[in-house]
């Protein structure tokens, strides 16, 4: 049989009380099989909002179709349709997901590095997570062509937006350059990586160590603004 949510909740509570009473007086209850009400979240909540241009609801529709939840069937084409809508309406999470699909050739899409990178850059304007992701892709060279100067710019963008791990990754890239040891020290300090900072400082000539400490203090002030 099919029940409304209130009826289902009431019957569930009654069944629980029956089990409790049976446990107290030493008898059992008859087994009751009740089908839960159908999940109509997509029809009643997500779709109406998505049709009005709500980017979050459009992303929920995309994920619903992708996973077959919310009362939606699994449908990769519909999932991609709503993901595209959400990304075009500026949702950073959708932009990151679509970028990842384009870079890896997923969701039935052909790989497209140019569009994938552009979407990540759009998302990076909203969230440091996307900027960090872009820095990772550009530093590794696994998906996008390696571009260490660009990777450092995106790591710095993420770090200045409060993403501390990006500061550590930036410090690593700085440390790899003999001419950037003062900056490497400063960014390790900014990332709270005292052991790495101490290692870099120990390699610096004694005459350059005060400069490194001053630069680290300056950077910390900049990041607190």
C-alpha atoms as a PDB file:
ATOM      1  CA  UNK A   1       0.000   0.000   0.000  1.00  0.00           C
ATOM      2  CA  UNK A   2       1.052   3.605  -0.433  1.00  0.00           C
ATOM      3  CA  UNK A   3       1.052   6.110   2.430  1.00  0.00           C
ATOM      4  CA  UNK A   4       1.611   9.801   2.771  1.00  0.00           C
ATOM      5  CA  UNK A   5       4.653  10.889   4.787  1.00  0.00           C
ATOM      6  CA  UNK A   6       2.597  11.838   7.902  1.00  0.00           C
ATOM      7  CA  UNK A   7       0.748   8.515   7.766  1.00  0.00           C
ATOM      8  CA  UNK A   8       4.049   6.668   7.327  1.00  0.00           C
ATOM      9  CA  UNK A   9       5.595   8.490  10.284  1.00  0.00           C
ATOM     10  CA  UNK A  10       2.547   7.782  12.472  1.00  0.00           C
ATOM     11  CA  UNK A  11       2.521   4.098  11.590  1.00  0.00           C
ATOM     12  CA  UNK A  12       6.258   3.848  12.147  1.00  0.00           C
ATOM     13  CA  UNK A  13       5.876   5.343  15.621  1.00  0.00           C
ATOM     14  CA  UNK A  14       3.010   2.951  16.359  1.00  0.00           C
ATOM     15  CA  UNK A  15       5.089  -0.012  15.238  1.00  0.00           C
ATOM     16  CA  UNK A  16       7.980   1.129  17.435  1.00  0.00           C
ATOM     17  CA  UNK A  17       5.659   1.404  20.445  1.00  0.00           C
ATOM     18  CA  UNK A  18       4.318  -2.069  19.707  1.00  0.00           C
ATOM     19  CA  UNK A  19       7.837  -3.509  19.715  1.00  0.00           C
ATOM     20  CA  UNK A  20       8.658  -1.681  22.953  1.00  0.00           C
ATOM     21  CA  UNK A  21       5.463  -2.883  24.632  1.00  0.00           C
ATOM     22  CA  UNK A  22       6.104  -6.420  23.477  1.00  0.00           C
ATOM     23  CA  UNK A  23       9.601  -6.327  24.913  1.00  0.00           C
ATOM     24  CA  UNK A  24       8.252  -5.128  28.256  1.00  0.00           C
ATOM     25  CA  UNK A  25       5.526  -7.764  28.635  1.00  0.00           C
ATOM     26  CA  UNK A  26       7.402 -10.531  26.868  1.00  0.00           C
ATOM     27  CA  UNK A  27       5.376 -10.927  23.702  1.00  0.00           C
ATOM     28  CA  UNK A  28       6.082 -10.141  20.079  1.00  0.00           C
ATOM     29  CA  UNK A  29       4.277  -8.069  17.498  1.00  0.00           C
ATOM     30  CA  UNK A  30       3.097  -9.201  14.129  1.00  0.00           C
ATOM     31  CA  UNK A  31       5.444  -8.249  11.307  1.00  0.00           C
ATOM     32  CA  UNK A  32       4.204  -5.198   9.411  1.00  0.00           C
ATOM     33  CA  UNK A  33       5.658  -4.446   5.990  1.00  0.00           C
ATOM     34  CA  UNK A  34       5.062  -0.845   4.999  1.00  0.00           C
ATOM     35  CA  UNK A  35       6.434   0.699   1.829  1.00  0.00           C
ATOM     36  CA  UNK A  36       7.934   4.147   2.440  1.00  0.00           C
ATOM     37  CA  UNK A  37       6.295   7.005   0.562  1.00  0.00           C
ATOM     38  CA  UNK A  38       7.772   7.787  -2.851  1.00  0.00           C
ATOM     39  CA  UNK A  39      10.607  10.316  -2.873  1.00  0.00           C
ATOM     40  CA  UNK A  40       9.269  13.290  -4.788  1.00  0.00           C
ATOM     41  CA  UNK A  41      11.905  15.821  -3.723  1.00  0.00           C
ATOM     42  CA  UNK A  42      12.910  16.523  -7.317  1.00  0.00           C
ATOM     43  CA  UNK A  43       9.344  17.079  -8.485  1.00  0.00           C
ATOM     44  CA  UNK A  44       8.247  19.246  -5.558  1.00  0.00           C
ATOM     45  CA  UNK A  45      11.426  21.109  -4.604  1.00  0.00           C
ATOM     46  CA  UNK A  46      14.325  20.915  -7.053  1.00  0.00           C
ATOM     47  CA  UNK A  47      12.615  21.083 -10.446  1.00  0.00           C
ATOM     48  CA  UNK A  48      10.352  24.096  -9.735  1.00  0.00           C
ATOM     49  CA  UNK A  49      13.342  26.089  -8.476  1.00  0.00           C
ATOM     50  CA  UNK A  50      15.569  24.865 -11.307  1.00  0.00           C
ATOM     51  CA  UNK A  51      12.994  25.947 -13.874  1.00  0.00           C
ATOM     52  CA  UNK A  52      13.155  29.446 -12.368  1.00  0.00           C
ATOM     53  CA  UNK A  53      16.910  29.584 -12.928  1.00  0.00           C
ATOM     54  CA  UNK A  54      18.092  28.647  -9.435  1.00  0.00           C
ATOM     55  CA  UNK A  55      21.666  27.411  -9.994  1.00  0.00           C
ATOM     56  CA  UNK A  56      21.769  25.390  -6.763  1.00  0.00           C
ATOM     57  CA  UNK A  57      18.540  23.576  -7.645  1.00  0.00           C
ATOM     58  CA  UNK A  58      19.901  22.919 -11.136  1.00  0.00           C
ATOM     59  CA  UNK A  59      22.975  21.310  -9.586  1.00  0.00           C
ATOM     60  CA  UNK A  60      20.723  19.223  -7.319  1.00  0.00           C
ATOM     61  CA  UNK A  61      18.828  18.059 -10.402  1.00  0.00           C
ATOM     62  CA  UNK A  62      22.112  17.154 -12.081  1.00  0.00           C
ATOM     63  CA  UNK A  63      23.254  15.120  -9.094  1.00  0.00           C
ATOM     64  CA  UNK A  64      19.804  13.558  -8.773  1.00  0.00           C
ATOM     65  CA  UNK A  65      19.861  12.353 -12.363  1.00  0.00           C
ATOM     66  CA  UNK A  66      23.464  11.233 -12.031  1.00  0.00           C
ATOM     67  CA  UNK A  67      22.803   9.081  -8.959  1.00  0.00           C
ATOM     68  CA  UNK A  68      19.116   8.275  -9.391  1.00  0.00           C
ATOM     69  CA  UNK A  69      17.953   9.971  -6.186  1.00  0.00           C
ATOM     70  CA  UNK A  70      15.208  12.420  -5.288  1.00  0.00           C
ATOM     71  CA  UNK A  71      12.679  10.416  -7.269  1.00  0.00           C
ATOM     72  CA  UNK A  72      14.676  10.772 -10.497  1.00  0.00           C
ATOM     73  CA  UNK A  73      15.871   7.947 -12.735  1.00  0.00           C
ATOM     74  CA  UNK A  74      19.535   7.692 -13.606  1.00  0.00           C
ATOM     75  CA  UNK A  75      19.929   9.673 -16.820  1.00  0.00           C
ATOM     76  CA  UNK A  76      23.375  10.914 -17.816  1.00  0.00           C
ATOM     77  CA  UNK A  77      22.047  13.216 -20.548  1.00  0.00           C
ATOM     78  CA  UNK A  78      19.658  14.984 -18.201  1.00  0.00           C
ATOM     79  CA  UNK A  79      22.386  15.141 -15.565  1.00  0.00           C
ATOM     80  CA  UNK A  80      24.712  16.875 -18.014  1.00  0.00           C
ATOM     81  CA  UNK A  81      21.915  19.202 -19.150  1.00  0.00           C
ATOM     82  CA  UNK A  82      21.301  20.464 -15.632  1.00  0.00           C
ATOM     83  CA  UNK A  83      25.013  20.592 -14.837  1.00  0.00           C
ATOM     84  CA  UNK A  84      25.546  22.851 -17.855  1.00  0.00           C
ATOM     85  CA  UNK A  85      22.648  25.063 -16.743  1.00  0.00           C
ATOM     86  CA  UNK A  86      23.996  25.394 -13.228  1.00  0.00           C
ATOM     87  CA  UNK A  87      27.516  26.167 -14.428  1.00  0.00           C
ATOM     88  CA  UNK A  88      26.258  28.764 -16.899  1.00  0.00           C
ATOM     89  CA  UNK A  89      24.327  30.408 -14.059  1.00  0.00           C
ATOM     90  CA  UNK A  90      27.524  30.821 -12.069  1.00  0.00           C
ATOM     91  CA  UNK A  91      27.462  27.967  -9.553  1.00  0.00           C
ATOM     92  CA  UNK A  92      31.113  27.365  -8.635  1.00  0.00           C
ATOM     93  CA  UNK A  93      30.603  23.715  -7.658  1.00  0.00           C
ATOM     94  CA  UNK A  94      28.911  23.003 -11.000  1.00  0.00           C
ATOM     95  CA  UNK A  95      31.674  24.830 -12.844  1.00  0.00           C
ATOM     96  CA  UNK A  96      34.284  22.697 -11.098  1.00  0.00           C
ATOM     97  CA  UNK A  97      32.396  19.470 -11.809  1.00  0.00           C
ATOM     98  CA  UNK A  98      31.867  20.368 -15.455  1.00  0.00           C
ATOM     99  CA  UNK A  99      35.496  21.449 -15.797  1.00  0.00           C
ATOM    100  CA  UNK A 100      36.650  18.123 -14.374  1.00  0.00           C
ATOM    101  CA  UNK A 101      34.372  16.238 -16.780  1.00  0.00           C
ATOM    102  CA  UNK A 102      35.714  18.225 -19.730  1.00  0.00           C
ATOM    103  CA  UNK A 103      39.342  17.786 -18.728  1.00  0.00           C
ATOM    104  CA  UNK A 104      38.945  14.032 -18.236  1.00  0.00           C
ATOM    105  CA  UNK A 105      36.392  13.332 -20.972  1.00  0.00           C
ATOM    106  CA  UNK A 106      33.696  12.155 -18.558  1.00  0.00           C
ATOM    107  CA  UNK A 107      29.877  12.424 -18.544  1.00  0.00           C
ATOM    108  CA  UNK A 108      29.933  11.548 -22.259  1.00  0.00           C
ATOM    109  CA  UNK A 109      31.935  14.669 -23.128  1.00  0.00           C
ATOM    110  CA  UNK A 110      34.934  14.936 -25.401  1.00  0.00           C
ATOM    111  CA  UNK A 111      38.048  16.239 -23.622  1.00  0.00           C
ATOM    112  CA  UNK A 112      38.301  20.010 -23.937  1.00  0.00           C
ATOM    113  CA  UNK A 113      41.234  21.545 -22.069  1.00  0.00           C
ATOM    114  CA  UNK A 114      40.475  25.102 -23.141  1.00  0.00           C
ATOM    115  CA  UNK A 115      36.890  25.137 -21.884  1.00  0.00           C
ATOM    116  CA  UNK A 116      37.740  23.078 -18.819  1.00  0.00           C
ATOM    117  CA  UNK A 117      40.421  25.542 -17.757  1.00  0.00           C
ATOM    118  CA  UNK A 118      38.139  28.513 -18.471  1.00  0.00           C
ATOM    119  CA  UNK A 119      35.437  27.033 -16.218  1.00  0.00           C
ATOM    120  CA  UNK A 120      37.935  26.454 -13.431  1.00  0.00           C
ATOM    121  CA  UNK A 121      39.086  30.050 -13.725  1.00  0.00           C
ATOM    122  CA  UNK A 122      35.468  31.209 -13.434  1.00  0.00           C
ATOM    123  CA  UNK A 123      35.011  29.075 -10.331  1.00  0.00           C
ATOM    124  CA  UNK A 124      38.311  30.335  -8.904  1.00  0.00           C
ATOM    125  CA  UNK A 125      36.866  33.839  -8.824  1.00  0.00           C
ATOM    126  CA  UNK A 126      34.338  32.530  -6.273  1.00  0.00           C
ATOM    127  CA  UNK A 127      36.148  29.887  -4.247  1.00  0.00           C
ATOM    128  CA  UNK A 128      39.816  29.268  -3.367  1.00  0.00           C
ATOM    129  CA  UNK A 129      39.227  25.532  -3.737  1.00  0.00           C
ATOM    130  CA  UNK A 130      38.959  25.984  -7.510  1.00  0.00           C
ATOM    131  CA  UNK A 131      42.064  28.178  -7.580  1.00  0.00           C
ATOM    132  CA  UNK A 132      43.948  25.493  -5.665  1.00  0.00           C
ATOM    133  CA  UNK A 133      42.673  22.811  -8.029  1.00  0.00           C
ATOM    134  CA  UNK A 134      43.846  24.842 -11.015  1.00  0.00           C
ATOM    135  CA  UNK A 135      47.247  25.315  -9.404  1.00  0.00           C
ATOM    136  CA  UNK A 136      47.525  21.561  -8.883  1.00  0.00           C
ATOM    137  CA  UNK A 137      46.640  20.780 -12.495  1.00  0.00           C
ATOM    138  CA  UNK A 138      49.122  23.321 -13.849  1.00  0.00           C
ATOM    139  CA  UNK A 139      51.924  22.220 -11.550  1.00  0.00           C
ATOM    140  CA  UNK A 140      51.569  18.495 -12.219  1.00  0.00           C
ATOM    141  CA  UNK A 141      51.128  18.656 -15.987  1.00  0.00           C
ATOM    142  CA  UNK A 142      49.018  15.492 -15.844  1.00  0.00           C
ATOM    143  CA  UNK A 143      45.839  16.948 -17.357  1.00  0.00           C
ATOM    144  CA  UNK A 144      46.805  20.458 -18.436  1.00  0.00           C
ATOM    145  CA  UNK A 145      50.204  21.381 -19.892  1.00  0.00           C
ATOM    146  CA  UNK A 146      52.615  22.124 -17.078  1.00  0.00           C
ATOM    147  CA  UNK A 147      52.931  25.850 -16.379  1.00  0.00           C
ATOM    148  CA  UNK A 148      54.713  26.488 -13.086  1.00  0.00           C
ATOM    149  CA  UNK A 149      54.486  30.312 -13.141  1.00  0.00           C
ATOM    150  CA  UNK A 150      50.718  30.074 -13.691  1.00  0.00           C
ATOM    151  CA  UNK A 151      50.450  27.358 -11.030  1.00  0.00           C
ATOM    152  CA  UNK A 152      52.176  29.640  -8.531  1.00  0.00           C
ATOM    153  CA  UNK A 153      49.831  32.497  -9.377  1.00  0.00           C
ATOM    154  CA  UNK A 154      46.783  30.329  -8.732  1.00  0.00           C
ATOM    155  CA  UNK A 155      48.234  28.878  -5.539  1.00  0.00           C
ATOM    156  CA  UNK A 156      48.906  32.410  -4.333  1.00  0.00           C
ATOM    157  CA  UNK A 157      45.381  33.455  -5.275  1.00  0.00           C
ATOM    158  CA  UNK A 158      43.985  30.571  -3.219  1.00  0.00           C
ATOM    159  CA  UNK A 159      46.353  31.242  -0.325  1.00  0.00           C
ATOM    160  CA  UNK A 160      45.430  34.928  -0.188  1.00  0.00           C
ATOM    161  CA  UNK A 161      41.781  33.848  -0.117  1.00  0.00           C
ATOM    162  CA  UNK A 162      42.363  31.818   3.028  1.00  0.00           C
ATOM    163  CA  UNK A 163      43.247  28.370   1.670  1.00  0.00           C
ATOM    164  CA  UNK A 164      46.269  27.542   3.833  1.00  0.00           C
ATOM    165  CA  UNK A 165      47.316  24.354   2.055  1.00  0.00           C
ATOM    166  CA  UNK A 166      47.764  26.403  -1.127  1.00  0.00           C
ATOM    167  CA  UNK A 167      50.353  28.479   0.748  1.00  0.00           C
ATOM    168  CA  UNK A 168      52.281  25.295   1.499  1.00  0.00           C
ATOM    169  CA  UNK A 169      52.175  24.131  -2.119  1.00  0.00           C
ATOM    170  CA  UNK A 170      53.312  27.585  -3.257  1.00  0.00           C
ATOM    171  CA  UNK A 171      56.202  27.421  -0.789  1.00  0.00           C
ATOM    172  CA  UNK A 172      57.240  24.063  -2.229  1.00  0.00           C
ATOM    173  CA  UNK A 173      57.419  25.497  -5.736  1.00  0.00           C
ATOM    174  CA  UNK A 174      59.313  28.542  -4.467  1.00  0.00           C
ATOM    175  CA  UNK A 175      61.773  26.301  -2.637  1.00  0.00           C
ATOM    176  CA  UNK A 176      62.580  24.486  -5.879  1.00  0.00           C
ATOM    177  CA  UNK A 177      63.992  27.754  -7.271  1.00  0.00           C
ATOM    178  CA  UNK A 178      67.380  28.802  -5.817  1.00  0.00           C
ATOM    179  CA  UNK A 179      66.457  32.475  -6.259  1.00  0.00           C
ATOM    180  CA  UNK A 180      63.202  32.206  -4.282  1.00  0.00           C
ATOM    181  CA  UNK A 181      64.351  30.883  -0.916  1.00  0.00           C
ATOM    182  CA  UNK A 182      63.277  33.987   1.000  1.00  0.00           C
ATOM    183  CA  UNK A 183      59.786  33.720  -0.518  1.00  0.00           C
ATOM    184  CA  UNK A 184      59.730  29.980   0.176  1.00  0.00           C
ATOM    185  CA  UNK A 185      60.491  30.644   3.837  1.00  0.00           C
ATOM    186  CA  UNK A 186      57.800  33.321   4.047  1.00  0.00           C
ATOM    187  CA  UNK A 187      55.128  31.112   2.502  1.00  0.00           C
ATOM    188  CA  UNK A 188      56.067  28.154   4.712  1.00  0.00           C
ATOM    189  CA  UNK A 189      55.580  30.457   7.702  1.00  0.00           C
ATOM    190  CA  UNK A 190      52.220  31.536   6.261  1.00  0.00           C
ATOM    191  CA  UNK A 191      51.184  27.891   5.944  1.00  0.00           C
ATOM    192  CA  UNK A 192      52.165  27.150   9.578  1.00  0.00           C
ATOM    193  CA  UNK A 193      54.769  24.649   8.389  1.00  0.00           C
ATOM    194  CA  UNK A 194      57.477  25.471  10.919  1.00  0.00           C
ATOM    195  CA  UNK A 195      59.683  22.476  10.131  1.00  0.00           C
ATOM    196  CA  UNK A 196      59.812  23.314   6.427  1.00  0.00           C
ATOM    197  CA  UNK A 197      60.445  26.972   7.234  1.00  0.00           C
ATOM    198  CA  UNK A 198      63.304  26.051   9.570  1.00  0.00           C
ATOM    199  CA  UNK A 199      64.888  23.861   6.903  1.00  0.00           C
ATOM    200  CA  UNK A 200      64.835  26.674   4.334  1.00  0.00           C
ATOM    201  CA  UNK A 201      66.083  29.250   6.837  1.00  0.00           C
ATOM    202  CA  UNK A 202      69.000  27.016   7.827  1.00  0.00           C
ATOM    203  CA  UNK A 203      70.162  26.898   4.206  1.00  0.00           C
ATOM    204  CA  UNK A 204      70.114  30.668   3.813  1.00  0.00           C
ATOM    205  CA  UNK A 205      73.308  32.636   4.430  1.00  0.00           C
ATOM    206  CA  UNK A 206      73.242  34.242   7.867  1.00  0.00           C
ATOM    207  CA  UNK A 207      73.186  37.681   6.244  1.00  0.00           C
ATOM    208  CA  UNK A 208      69.908  36.835   4.441  1.00  0.00           C
ATOM    209  CA  UNK A 209      68.047  35.362   7.393  1.00  0.00           C
ATOM    210  CA  UNK A 210      66.842  38.702   8.840  1.00  0.00           C
ATOM    211  CA  UNK A 211      65.456  39.581   5.401  1.00  0.00           C
ATOM    212  CA  UNK A 212      63.564  36.279   5.326  1.00  0.00           C
ATOM    213  CA  UNK A 213      62.043  36.910   8.759  1.00  0.00           C
ATOM    214  CA  UNK A 214      61.010  40.422   7.772  1.00  0.00           C
ATOM    215  CA  UNK A 215      59.421  39.139   4.574  1.00  0.00           C
ATOM    216  CA  UNK A 216      57.508  36.475   6.500  1.00  0.00           C
ATOM    217  CA  UNK A 217      56.188  39.068   8.947  1.00  0.00           C
ATOM    218  CA  UNK A 218      55.151  41.323   6.065  1.00  0.00           C
ATOM    219  CA  UNK A 219      53.353  38.465   4.310  1.00  0.00           C
ATOM    220  CA  UNK A 220      51.459  37.520   7.455  1.00  0.00           C
ATOM    221  CA  UNK A 221      50.245  41.101   7.780  1.00  0.00           C
ATOM    222  CA  UNK A 222      49.121  41.065   4.143  1.00  0.00           C
ATOM    223  CA  UNK A 223      47.190  37.840   4.612  1.00  0.00           C
ATOM    224  CA  UNK A 224      45.346  39.184   7.656  1.00  0.00           C
ATOM    225  CA  UNK A 225      43.925  42.172   5.773  1.00  0.00           C
END
